[in-house]
Structures are given as C-alpha cells and as structure tokens.
Amino acid sequence: MDASDLVPIVCPTCATEFDVSRLPKGTKTACPKCRTIVVVPGASAPRPPVAVPPARVSPPPPSPLAPKRIEGSKKPPTNNVPVLAIVLAAVVFVGAGAGAFWFYGQQPRPVPQPASGPAPSRPASTVLPAARKNVALELRSRGWRQAPAFDVASALKHSLASAGVVVAASGSAPDARVVVEYEERRGASYTNGSTATVIEMQLDLEVGSARVLTLHGSGSSGGGPGSTEDSLYREALEAFQRSPGFVHGGSLVAGTLGVGDGSASIVDALLKRETRDLALDVLEKNGWQGSDARGRAALAAAR
C-alpha cells in the first residue's frame, strides 16, 4: 500500500492523526491516544460528528465593589444584632399563635339544636309497649330433705325481670302480687332404700282482690336400678325446670299485666298443651293477631 492509499483521520479531541485505510467506510473506531470514538470517513458516509470537549466553567471575577481585606489586618466583627432580633420576633410570633390556637380550641362549641316543629307521628299500626310493672313476690316453700329446697324465688325473679316485671322492694306499693306455693315432697321408695322426690308449684297473680292468673309446674323422677336419693332429686328438679308453667311463668305474668304485646315470648307457651289456654287468653285480651307466619299459625292452631 503506497501513501496514496492511506486514509488519514484526525482525532477531533486530541488532534492525533492515524490511518484508518484498513477499516470499512462508516466504521466506528477509537483514537489510539485519547480513545475518542470517531467514524471512518467515506464518500457515502455522512460527515462524522465532531466531539466537542466540555467547556470549563471559570469562577466569576471578584466584584470591584467588594471590600478587600488587607493582609495581616483583623477581620471586622460580624454584627449579629439584626439576626437575633429576627429570631426573637419569630419565636414570639409562633408562641402567640400556638397560645391563641390552644385557647380558642378549648372553648365549647355550640351544639346545633334540631329544628323546632311537630314531633313525627307514629304509624297507626305501631303498638307501644306498656311501662314496666312492679309486683310483690310472696313465696311459701317446703321440702322434706335435709338439704335446702330449690331457690325458686331467684329463678322467678329472673324470669319476671326478663319479661319486664320487677319484684318491688318491701314497703313499696306494687301493681300486683305474685303468690307462689312451692313444695318438694317425699315420693316413691325403692328396694335399695332410696326415696324419690316430687316437686309441685302453683303461681297466682292477684291484682287488687282479684286472681287473674294461675300457673302450675311439676316434676318427678322415674327411678331405676341403682338410683340414689340425690340422683332421683336431680331428675325431678330437671323435670320441674322444663315444665311449661315454670318456663313461661314470667312472660305470662307480664302479658296479663299488659307489659309489652307478649307476642315474642308467649308464642312458645301457646304451643304447649299445659299453657295453651292461658296464653291464648292473654293474647286475645291484648288484641294480638300474630306478627309473623309462626305466630299466626300457632294462634290459628290454638283456636
């Protein structure tokens, strides 16, 4: 290859000239000195871009008005009085704003009052339950075992309270009297020496001198080989606690006194043979016609 075949190229960055004749036109190559990427020139290739080195940013010249400090002289003291004044004013401003926010934030805000006007009327079909009633509970309890008899008074108080009837304290004027006769008497005797227990209860509701409701509850044991006196008693007590007269006593007393409409709690009593007639009488006196399909079906079956 003679000198005419050489294809020199000059690096645009460091101005180094080197030969690229062995490289195809348009090929990118690196400068052997500064490693800048250049493109091999050719007739059909576009003009290679010229790499421009980044311009150096020179610091701004010193202002002619700035005072020059004489070498060896002391630096003049900085005046901090304006800065301190600004900081103090900011602290006072922020403190005053926080105090005002705390003071006004503690003030009671007025509660918006509802607009005056006539009270909304209830639909004609809505039945308001009657107020709670107070009754005097008189209990006479007898048992034959050495162990104390079942605490029927506490159980009846809970049942009455659940239905909206409160046992009044002694000395107060009750709305009615609940008189309860509860007896645990000796039952059948077995060959192993055990004796069964029979439980009976009668509940009377009296308003003034009139008796307006009477309920009965009972329980006994069937017995069996190996039954003890305690197991026979527990069997009788469990049977008494399942008797409809005891279970539904509170709701029937409440319905008779007109506490609530009696619909929810007396439907179960309406489905029991022992309390069906009493529950039907209470519901008819209250004008109840059934609030759901179950209640209407029970009412129709009882009639």
Protein backbone atom coordinates (compact mmCIF):
# COMPACT_ATOMS: atom_id res chain seq x y z
CA MET A 1 0.00 0.00 0.00
CA ASP A 2 1.51 3.33 -1.06
CA ALA A 3 0.97 6.69 0.51
CA SER A 4 -1.94 7.49 -1.79
CA ASP A 5 -3.93 4.59 -0.36
CA LEU A 6 -3.62 5.80 3.18
CA VAL A 7 -6.74 7.23 4.67
CA PRO A 8 -5.64 9.53 7.46
CA ILE A 9 -8.06 10.78 10.06
CA VAL A 10 -7.51 13.39 12.74
CA CYS A 11 -8.94 12.90 16.23
CA PRO A 12 -11.23 15.86 16.95
CA THR A 13 -10.30 15.74 20.62
CA CYS A 14 -6.50 15.42 20.78
CA ALA A 15 -5.67 16.23 17.08
CA THR A 16 -3.78 12.95 16.68
CA GLU A 17 -3.57 11.73 13.05
CA PHE A 18 -3.82 7.99 12.43
CA ASP A 19 -4.54 5.65 9.50
CA VAL A 20 -7.97 4.01 9.05
CA SER A 21 -7.49 2.69 5.49
CA ARG A 22 -7.98 -0.91 6.58
CA LEU A 23 -11.35 -0.16 8.07
CA PRO A 24 -14.56 -0.09 6.05
CA LYS A 25 -16.18 3.23 5.48
CA GLY A 26 -18.55 4.27 8.20
CA THR A 27 -16.90 2.04 10.84
CA LYS A 28 -16.50 3.43 14.37
CA THR A 29 -13.02 3.25 15.84
CA ALA A 30 -11.23 4.67 18.86
CA CYS A 31 -8.37 7.17 18.82
CA PRO A 32 -5.19 5.30 19.81
CA LYS A 33 -4.19 8.16 22.09
CA CYS A 34 -7.27 9.55 23.86
CA ARG A 35 -9.73 6.75 22.95
CA THR A 36 -12.28 9.13 21.48
CA ILE A 37 -14.75 7.31 19.19
CA VAL A 38 -14.59 8.50 15.57
CA VAL A 39 -16.20 7.27 12.33
CA VAL A 40 -14.13 6.24 9.28
CA PRO A 41 -14.96 8.81 6.56
CA GLY A 42 -16.11 7.85 3.11
CA ALA A 43 -17.86 9.19 0.03
CA SER A 44 -21.22 7.71 1.00
CA ALA A 45 -20.87 8.10 4.73
CA PRO A 46 -22.19 11.24 6.37
CA ARG A 47 -19.80 13.71 7.89
CA PRO A 48 -18.60 12.37 11.18
CA PRO A 49 -19.69 14.28 14.21
CA VAL A 50 -17.12 16.43 15.86
CA ALA A 51 -16.68 15.73 19.52
CA VAL A 52 -16.71 18.94 21.46
CA PRO A 53 -14.87 18.84 24.73
CA PRO A 54 -16.83 20.13 27.67
CA ALA A 55 -16.30 23.80 28.31
CA ARG A 56 -14.63 24.75 31.52
CA VAL A 57 -16.62 26.98 33.78
CA SER A 58 -14.41 29.63 35.26
CA PRO A 59 -15.36 31.20 38.57
CA PRO A 60 -16.86 34.69 38.33
CA PRO A 61 -14.42 37.54 38.75
CA PRO A 62 -14.47 39.25 42.11
CA SER A 63 -16.74 42.22 42.35
CA PRO A 64 -14.88 45.51 42.23
CA LEU A 65 -17.17 46.82 44.93
CA ALA A 66 -16.33 44.06 47.40
CA PRO A 67 -14.03 45.38 50.15
CA LYS A 68 -10.58 43.87 50.17
CA ARG A 69 -9.07 42.82 53.46
CA ILE A 70 -5.54 43.98 53.97
CA GLU A 71 -3.12 41.16 54.65
CA GLY A 72 -2.34 40.98 58.35
CA SER A 73 -5.36 43.05 59.46
CA LYS A 74 -8.05 41.63 61.74
CA LYS A 75 -11.41 40.54 60.34
CA PRO A 76 -14.10 43.06 61.28
CA PRO A 77 -16.59 41.69 63.85
CA THR A 78 -19.89 40.37 62.46
CA ASN A 79 -22.94 42.29 63.59
CA ASN A 80 -25.43 39.62 64.87
CA VAL A 81 -27.94 42.05 66.32
CA PRO A 82 -30.36 42.04 63.31
CA VAL A 83 -30.27 38.23 63.14
CA LEU A 84 -31.04 37.84 66.83
CA ALA A 85 -33.88 40.33 66.54
CA ILE A 86 -35.43 38.39 63.65
CA VAL A 87 -35.16 35.05 65.52
CA LEU A 88 -36.70 36.55 68.68
CA ALA A 89 -39.58 38.04 66.71
CA ALA A 90 -40.25 34.66 65.04
CA VAL A 91 -40.31 32.85 68.39
CA VAL A 92 -42.73 35.40 69.86
CA PHE A 93 -44.98 35.16 66.79
CA VAL A 94 -45.09 31.36 66.86
CA GLY A 95 -45.74 31.28 70.62
CA ALA A 96 -48.58 33.78 70.31
CA GLY A 97 -50.17 31.76 67.51
CA ALA A 98 -49.95 28.50 69.48
CA GLY A 99 -51.46 30.15 72.56
CA ALA A 100 -54.35 31.54 70.57
CA PHE A 101 -54.98 28.13 68.94
CA TRP A 102 -54.98 26.39 72.35
CA PHE A 103 -57.27 28.99 73.93
CA TYR A 104 -59.88 29.02 71.18
CA GLY A 105 -59.65 25.27 70.72
CA GLN A 106 -60.68 24.76 74.37
CA GLN A 107 -63.79 26.89 74.04
CA PRO A 108 -67.04 24.85 73.97
CA ARG A 109 -68.56 24.76 70.55
CA PRO A 110 -72.27 25.37 70.22
CA VAL A 111 -74.27 22.21 69.66
CA PRO A 112 -76.70 22.57 66.78
CA GLN A 113 -80.25 22.26 68.01
CA PRO A 114 -82.80 20.34 65.96
CA ALA A 115 -85.29 22.43 64.10
CA SER A 116 -88.42 23.02 66.10
CA GLY A 117 -91.58 21.53 64.77
CA PRO A 118 -94.20 18.92 65.47
CA ALA A 119 -92.90 15.51 66.52
CA PRO A 120 -93.14 12.87 63.80
CA SER A 121 -96.25 10.83 64.21
CA ARG A 122 -96.07 7.05 64.54
CA PRO A 123 -97.96 4.79 62.16
CA ALA A 124 -101.34 3.78 63.44
CA SER A 125 -100.34 0.10 63.42
CA THR A 126 -97.42 0.58 65.83
CA VAL A 127 -98.19 -0.69 69.34
CA LEU A 128 -96.11 0.89 72.09
CA PRO A 129 -95.25 -1.49 74.93
CA ALA A 130 -96.60 -0.63 78.34
CA ALA A 131 -94.31 0.53 81.12
CA ARG A 132 -92.61 -1.94 83.41
CA LYS A 133 -94.67 -3.25 86.30
CA ASN A 134 -93.73 -3.81 89.90
CA VAL A 135 -95.04 -6.84 91.76
CA ALA A 136 -94.74 -8.13 95.28
CA LEU A 137 -93.48 -11.73 95.45
CA GLU A 138 -94.80 -13.88 98.26
CA LEU A 139 -93.24 -17.35 98.44
CA ARG A 140 -94.03 -20.29 100.68
CA SER A 141 -91.51 -23.10 100.15
CA ARG A 142 -91.44 -26.53 101.81
CA GLY A 143 -89.08 -29.52 101.47
CA TRP A 144 -88.61 -32.91 103.06
CA ARG A 145 -84.87 -33.44 102.56
CA GLN A 146 -82.16 -32.25 104.91
CA ALA A 147 -80.65 -30.20 102.06
CA PRO A 148 -82.37 -26.85 101.37
CA ALA A 149 -85.07 -26.75 98.74
CA PHE A 150 -84.54 -25.29 95.27
CA ASP A 151 -84.24 -21.45 95.24
CA VAL A 152 -87.37 -20.93 93.17
CA ALA A 153 -87.65 -17.27 94.25
CA SER A 154 -84.43 -16.25 92.49
CA ALA A 155 -85.40 -18.19 89.36
CA LEU A 156 -88.82 -16.50 89.22
CA LYS A 157 -87.31 -13.03 89.76
CA HIS A 158 -85.03 -13.56 86.79
CA SER A 159 -87.88 -14.83 84.62
CA LEU A 160 -90.11 -11.88 85.57
CA ALA A 161 -87.34 -9.31 85.04
CA SER A 162 -86.63 -10.71 81.56
CA ALA A 163 -90.28 -10.09 80.66
CA GLY A 164 -90.38 -6.53 82.05
CA VAL A 165 -91.79 -7.20 85.55
CA VAL A 166 -89.72 -6.15 88.56
CA VAL A 167 -90.13 -7.55 92.05
CA ALA A 168 -90.68 -4.50 94.22
CA ALA A 169 -88.80 -3.94 97.44
CA SER A 170 -90.66 -4.46 100.69
CA GLY A 171 -92.61 -1.41 101.78
CA SER A 172 -93.30 -0.10 98.26
CA ALA A 173 -96.70 -0.06 96.57
CA PRO A 174 -96.70 -2.83 93.90
CA ASP A 175 -99.00 -3.03 90.90
CA ALA A 176 -99.87 -6.69 91.64
CA ARG A 177 -98.98 -9.65 93.86
CA VAL A 178 -97.37 -12.92 92.78
CA VAL A 179 -98.11 -15.65 95.31
CA VAL A 180 -96.11 -18.86 94.91
CA GLU A 181 -96.62 -22.19 96.67
CA TYR A 182 -93.56 -24.42 96.14
CA GLU A 183 -93.26 -27.89 97.65
CA GLU A 184 -90.74 -30.73 97.46
CA ARG A 185 -92.41 -33.78 98.97
CA ARG A 186 -91.46 -37.40 99.50
CA GLY A 187 -92.16 -39.70 96.56
CA ALA A 188 -91.93 -43.43 95.99
CA SER A 189 -89.45 -45.59 97.91
CA TYR A 190 -87.22 -48.20 96.27
CA THR A 191 -85.83 -51.50 97.48
CA ASN A 192 -82.33 -50.08 97.73
CA GLY A 193 -83.55 -47.64 100.37
CA SER A 194 -83.69 -44.54 98.10
CA THR A 195 -86.68 -42.24 98.09
CA ALA A 196 -87.79 -40.16 95.13
CA THR A 197 -88.88 -36.53 95.23
CA VAL A 198 -91.99 -34.96 93.72
CA ILE A 199 -91.98 -31.20 93.06
CA GLU A 200 -95.10 -29.08 92.64
CA MET A 201 -95.60 -25.33 92.21
CA GLN A 202 -98.63 -23.08 91.97
CA LEU A 203 -98.30 -19.42 90.96
CA ASP A 204 -101.19 -16.99 91.39
CA LEU A 205 -101.24 -13.44 90.06
CA GLU A 206 -103.50 -11.13 92.02
CA VAL A 207 -104.45 -7.59 91.04
CA GLY A 208 -106.24 -5.99 93.95
CA SER A 209 -108.53 -8.65 95.37
CA ALA A 210 -108.95 -10.48 92.04
CA ARG A 211 -106.96 -13.54 90.99
CA VAL A 212 -106.27 -13.04 87.28
CA LEU A 213 -103.82 -15.88 86.51
CA THR A 214 -102.93 -19.29 87.91
CA LEU A 215 -99.98 -21.39 86.72
CA HIS A 216 -98.86 -24.89 87.68
CA GLY A 217 -95.47 -26.57 87.35
CA SER A 218 -94.34 -30.02 88.44
CA GLY A 219 -91.54 -32.54 88.17
CA SER A 220 -90.86 -36.11 89.28
CA SER A 221 -88.34 -38.89 88.72
CA GLY A 222 -88.84 -42.22 87.02
CA GLY A 223 -86.26 -44.06 89.10
CA GLY A 224 -84.35 -47.17 88.15
CA PRO A 225 -81.93 -49.80 89.48
CA GLY A 226 -79.08 -48.24 91.37
CA SER A 227 -80.72 -44.78 91.61
CA THR A 228 -79.63 -42.81 94.64
CA GLU A 229 -81.70 -40.31 96.55
CA ASP A 230 -79.65 -37.43 95.13
CA SER A 231 -79.95 -38.62 91.55
CA LEU A 232 -83.71 -39.04 91.96
CA TYR A 233 -83.95 -35.48 93.29
CA ARG A 234 -81.90 -34.04 90.42
CA GLU A 235 -84.10 -35.86 87.92
CA ALA A 236 -87.25 -34.42 89.49
CA LEU A 237 -85.80 -30.90 89.63
CA GLU A 238 -84.75 -31.00 85.97
CA ALA A 239 -88.24 -32.14 85.01
CA PHE A 240 -89.75 -29.25 87.00
CA GLN A 241 -87.44 -26.69 85.37
CA ARG A 242 -88.65 -27.92 81.95
CA SER A 243 -92.34 -27.69 82.84
CA PRO A 244 -94.19 -25.01 80.75
CA GLY A 245 -95.75 -23.40 83.81
CA PHE A 246 -92.30 -22.63 85.22
CA VAL A 247 -90.57 -21.83 81.91
CA HIS A 248 -93.23 -19.38 80.65
CA GLY A 249 -94.33 -18.00 84.03
CA GLY A 250 -92.58 -14.64 83.61
CA SER A 251 -93.92 -13.94 80.11
CA LEU A 252 -97.47 -14.97 81.02
CA VAL A 253 -97.45 -12.73 84.11
CA ALA A 254 -96.11 -9.83 82.02
CA GLY A 255 -98.67 -10.38 79.27
CA THR A 256 -101.52 -10.50 81.79
CA LEU A 257 -100.33 -7.18 83.29
CA GLY A 258 -100.13 -5.63 79.80
CA VAL A 259 -96.36 -5.29 79.73
CA GLY A 260 -95.49 -5.33 76.01
CA ASP A 261 -97.61 -7.11 73.46
CA GLY A 262 -96.41 -10.53 74.59
CA SER A 263 -96.03 -11.74 71.01
CA ALA A 264 -92.42 -12.89 71.08
CA SER A 265 -92.40 -14.74 74.40
CA ILE A 266 -95.91 -16.15 74.62
CA VAL A 267 -95.94 -17.93 71.25
CA ASP A 268 -93.89 -20.77 72.78
CA ALA A 269 -96.38 -21.02 75.63
CA LEU A 270 -99.16 -21.11 73.04
CA LEU A 271 -97.58 -24.24 71.53
CA LYS A 272 -97.54 -26.14 74.86
CA ARG A 273 -100.62 -28.09 75.93
CA GLU A 274 -100.24 -27.14 79.62
CA THR A 275 -100.20 -23.38 78.94
CA ARG A 276 -102.11 -23.12 75.63
CA ASP A 277 -105.40 -21.84 77.02
CA LEU A 278 -103.71 -19.32 79.32
CA ALA A 279 -101.51 -17.97 76.53
CA LEU A 280 -104.46 -17.73 74.10
CA ASP A 281 -106.48 -15.80 76.68
CA VAL A 282 -103.60 -13.35 77.26
CA LEU A 283 -103.01 -12.76 73.54
CA GLU A 284 -106.69 -12.24 72.75
CA LYS A 285 -107.04 -9.72 75.59
CA ASN A 286 -104.06 -7.81 74.16
CA GLY A 287 -105.56 -7.90 70.66
CA TRP A 288 -102.56 -9.73 69.21
CA GLN A 289 -103.17 -11.24 65.75
CA GLY A 290 -99.71 -12.63 65.02
CA SER A 291 -96.62 -10.73 63.92
CA ASP A 292 -95.14 -13.46 61.70
CA ALA A 293 -96.10 -16.70 59.98
CA ARG A 294 -95.14 -18.81 63.00
CA GLY A 295 -97.21 -16.70 65.38
CA ARG A 296 -100.26 -16.67 63.10
CA ALA A 297 -100.05 -20.45 62.64
CA ALA A 298 -99.77 -21.03 66.41
CA LEU A 299 -102.71 -18.72 67.05
CA ALA A 300 -104.86 -20.47 64.45
CA ALA A 301 -103.96 -23.91 65.86
CA ALA A 302 -104.80 -22.85 69.43
CA ARG A 303 -108.21 -21.54 68.40
